[in-house]
Amino acid sequence: ESKTAVGIMSRQRRRATDDNRHEENIKRDAFIAPFGAVGYKFRKHFAGYGWFDGEVVEIRPGAAKRKDRRVQYLDGDIEDLSLEELRDFPPLLLRRTKRMKNNN
């Protein structure tokens, strides 16, 4: 094979590998956890402070006052909520990234 043919094949293999990685990233980013499960993401409004994105990071069976969902907000704060309280907050939906927009 000529150097040109080898170079073209190498670029095609590299492009296929990059495409596969991109597809895997989209699948990983598209995961949306079921309501109340670890990984479930939501948005909560704190009066005077605005909206904060939160995520269920732990389920604690038998917790006091049924506040068995430990959530962590993007600013690092942690709060324990019940499923009933969690229902009051809108879920975070998958947002399209710039990379995804450019490829669709």
C-alpha atoms as a PDB file:
ATOM      1  CA  GLU A   1       0.000   0.000   0.000  1.00  0.00           C
ATOM      2  CA  SER A   2       1.118   3.538  -0.635  1.00  0.00           C
ATOM      3  CA  LYS A   3       1.680   6.039   2.156  1.00  0.00           C
ATOM      4  CA  THR A   4      -1.396   7.934   0.978  1.00  0.00           C
ATOM      5  CA  ALA A   5      -3.621   4.852   1.207  1.00  0.00           C
ATOM      6  CA  VAL A   6      -2.265   4.046   4.688  1.00  0.00           C
ATOM      7  CA  GLY A   7      -2.871   7.631   5.797  1.00  0.00           C
ATOM      8  CA  ILE A   8      -6.457   7.558   4.520  1.00  0.00           C
ATOM      9  CA  MET A   9      -7.168   4.222   6.231  1.00  0.00           C
ATOM     10  CA  SER A  10      -5.649   5.503   9.465  1.00  0.00           C
ATOM     11  CA  ARG A  11      -7.840   8.633   9.377  1.00  0.00           C
ATOM     12  CA  GLN A  12     -10.943   6.531   8.670  1.00  0.00           C
ATOM     13  CA  ARG A  13     -10.192   4.219  11.633  1.00  0.00           C
ATOM     14  CA  ARG A  14      -9.568   7.236  13.882  1.00  0.00           C
ATOM     15  CA  ARG A  15     -12.820   8.868  12.757  1.00  0.00           C
ATOM     16  CA  ALA A  16     -14.769   5.634  13.430  1.00  0.00           C
ATOM     17  CA  THR A  17     -13.244   5.415  16.924  1.00  0.00           C
ATOM     18  CA  ASP A  18     -14.108   9.074  17.626  1.00  0.00           C
ATOM     19  CA  ASP A  19     -17.690   8.485  16.386  1.00  0.00           C
ATOM     20  CA  ASN A  20     -18.068   5.451  18.681  1.00  0.00           C
ATOM     21  CA  ARG A  21     -16.796   7.426  21.683  1.00  0.00           C
ATOM     22  CA  HIS A  22     -19.219  10.239  20.861  1.00  0.00           C
ATOM     23  CA  GLU A  23     -22.158   7.786  20.688  1.00  0.00           C
ATOM     24  CA  GLU A  24     -21.145   6.262  24.057  1.00  0.00           C
ATOM     25  CA  ASN A  25     -21.008   9.751  25.616  1.00  0.00           C
ATOM     26  CA  ILE A  26     -24.471  10.579  24.289  1.00  0.00           C
ATOM     27  CA  LYS A  27     -25.887   7.325  25.727  1.00  0.00           C
ATOM     28  CA  ARG A  28     -24.241   7.992  29.102  1.00  0.00           C
ATOM     29  CA  ASP A  29     -25.432  11.611  29.199  1.00  0.00           C
ATOM     30  CA  ALA A  30     -28.942  10.610  28.112  1.00  0.00           C
ATOM     31  CA  PHE A  31     -29.498   8.397  31.167  1.00  0.00           C
ATOM     32  CA  ILE A  32     -32.350   9.729  33.247  1.00  0.00           C
ATOM     33  CA  ALA A  33     -32.870   7.987  36.578  1.00  0.00           C
ATOM     34  CA  PRO A  34     -36.415   7.027  37.589  1.00  0.00           C
ATOM     35  CA  PHE A  35     -38.222   9.306  40.027  1.00  0.00           C
ATOM     36  CA  GLY A  36     -36.676   9.114  43.504  1.00  0.00           C
ATOM     37  CA  ALA A  37     -33.869   6.718  42.528  1.00  0.00           C
ATOM     38  CA  VAL A  38     -30.189   7.462  43.038  1.00  0.00           C
ATOM     39  CA  GLY A  39     -29.200   9.700  40.144  1.00  0.00           C
ATOM     40  CA  TYR A  40     -32.638  11.335  39.815  1.00  0.00           C
ATOM     41  CA  LYS A  41     -32.126  15.051  39.100  1.00  0.00           C
ATOM     42  CA  PHE A  42     -34.493  17.880  39.871  1.00  0.00           C
ATOM     43  CA  ARG A  43     -34.647  21.626  40.384  1.00  0.00           C
ATOM     44  CA  LYS A  44     -35.672  23.345  43.626  1.00  0.00           C
ATOM     45  CA  HIS A  45     -36.372  27.002  44.318  1.00  0.00           C
ATOM     46  CA  PHE A  46     -35.005  28.533  47.508  1.00  0.00           C
ATOM     47  CA  ALA A  47     -36.732  31.826  48.369  1.00  0.00           C
ATOM     48  CA  GLY A  48     -34.286  34.690  48.112  1.00  0.00           C
ATOM     49  CA  TYR A  49     -31.603  32.525  46.473  1.00  0.00           C
ATOM     50  CA  GLY A  50     -33.112  31.203  43.254  1.00  0.00           C
ATOM     51  CA  TRP A  51     -33.210  27.812  41.582  1.00  0.00           C
ATOM     52  CA  PHE A  52     -30.713  25.056  42.339  1.00  0.00           C
ATOM     53  CA  ASP A  53     -30.186  21.736  40.588  1.00  0.00           C
ATOM     54  CA  GLY A  54     -30.171  18.727  42.911  1.00  0.00           C
ATOM     55  CA  GLU A  55     -29.540  15.013  42.596  1.00  0.00           C
ATOM     56  CA  VAL A  56     -30.532  12.058  44.769  1.00  0.00           C
ATOM     57  CA  VAL A  57     -27.204  10.625  45.939  1.00  0.00           C
ATOM     58  CA  GLU A  58     -28.355   8.124  48.565  1.00  0.00           C
ATOM     59  CA  ILE A  59     -31.473   6.310  49.746  1.00  0.00           C
ATOM     60  CA  ARG A  60     -31.615   5.824  53.519  1.00  0.00           C
ATOM     61  CA  PRO A  61     -34.347   3.311  54.442  1.00  0.00           C
ATOM     62  CA  GLY A  62     -35.905   3.960  57.849  1.00  0.00           C
ATOM     63  CA  ALA A  63     -34.786   7.599  58.042  1.00  0.00           C
ATOM     64  CA  ALA A  64     -36.588   9.900  60.493  1.00  0.00           C
ATOM     65  CA  LYS A  65     -39.778  11.582  59.223  1.00  0.00           C
ATOM     66  CA  ARG A  66     -39.550   9.459  56.038  1.00  0.00           C
ATOM     67  CA  LYS A  67     -36.857  11.826  54.717  1.00  0.00           C
ATOM     68  CA  ASP A  68     -35.014   8.942  53.133  1.00  0.00           C
ATOM     69  CA  ARG A  69     -33.719  10.668  49.976  1.00  0.00           C
ATOM     70  CA  ARG A  70     -30.379  12.367  50.552  1.00  0.00           C
ATOM     71  CA  VAL A  71     -29.877  14.967  47.854  1.00  0.00           C
ATOM     72  CA  GLN A  72     -26.902  17.066  46.928  1.00  0.00           C
ATOM     73  CA  TYR A  73     -27.097  20.381  45.117  1.00  0.00           C
ATOM     74  CA  LEU A  74     -24.547  21.681  42.616  1.00  0.00           C
ATOM     75  CA  ASP A  75     -23.193  24.094  45.224  1.00  0.00           C
ATOM     76  CA  GLY A  76     -22.364  21.114  47.483  1.00  0.00           C
ATOM     77  CA  ASP A  77     -25.189  21.549  50.009  1.00  0.00           C
ATOM     78  CA  ILE A  78     -26.899  18.358  51.186  1.00  0.00           C
ATOM     79  CA  GLU A  79     -30.518  17.958  52.277  1.00  0.00           C
ATOM     80  CA  ASP A  80     -32.717  15.008  53.252  1.00  0.00           C
ATOM     81  CA  LEU A  81     -36.135  14.919  51.565  1.00  0.00           C
ATOM     82  CA  SER A  82     -39.092  12.570  51.592  1.00  0.00           C
ATOM     83  CA  LEU A  83     -40.542  11.240  48.339  1.00  0.00           C
ATOM     84  CA  GLU A  84     -43.569  13.442  48.962  1.00  0.00           C
ATOM     85  CA  GLU A  85     -41.352  16.538  49.179  1.00  0.00           C
ATOM     86  CA  LEU A  86     -39.383  15.487  46.112  1.00  0.00           C
ATOM     87  CA  ARG A  87     -42.610  15.361  44.071  1.00  0.00           C
ATOM     88  CA  ASP A  88     -42.969  19.143  44.538  1.00  0.00           C
ATOM     89  CA  PHE A  89     -39.873  19.885  42.450  1.00  0.00           C
ATOM     90  CA  PRO A  90     -39.665  19.704  38.653  1.00  0.00           C
ATOM     91  CA  PRO A  91     -37.346  17.055  37.200  1.00  0.00           C
ATOM     92  CA  LEU A  92     -34.307  18.145  35.251  1.00  0.00           C
ATOM     93  CA  LEU A  93     -34.658  17.059  31.660  1.00  0.00           C
ATOM     94  CA  LEU A  94     -31.794  16.126  29.387  1.00  0.00           C
ATOM     95  CA  ARG A  95     -30.304  19.215  27.819  1.00  0.00           C
ATOM     96  CA  ARG A  96     -28.747  19.030  24.409  1.00  0.00           C
ATOM     97  CA  THR A  97     -25.108  19.980  24.369  1.00  0.00           C
ATOM     98  CA  LYS A  98     -23.524  22.101  21.641  1.00  0.00           C
ATOM     99  CA  ARG A  99     -21.755  19.008  20.324  1.00  0.00           C
ATOM    100  CA  MET A 100     -25.064  17.151  20.021  1.00  0.00           C
ATOM    101  CA  LYS A 101     -26.722  20.120  18.295  1.00  0.00           C
ATOM    102  CA  ASN A 102     -23.955  20.297  15.698  1.00  0.00           C
ATOM    103  CA  ASN A 103     -24.335  16.605  14.837  1.00  0.00           C
ATOM    104  CA  ASN A 104     -28.124  16.569  14.499  1.00  0.00           C
END
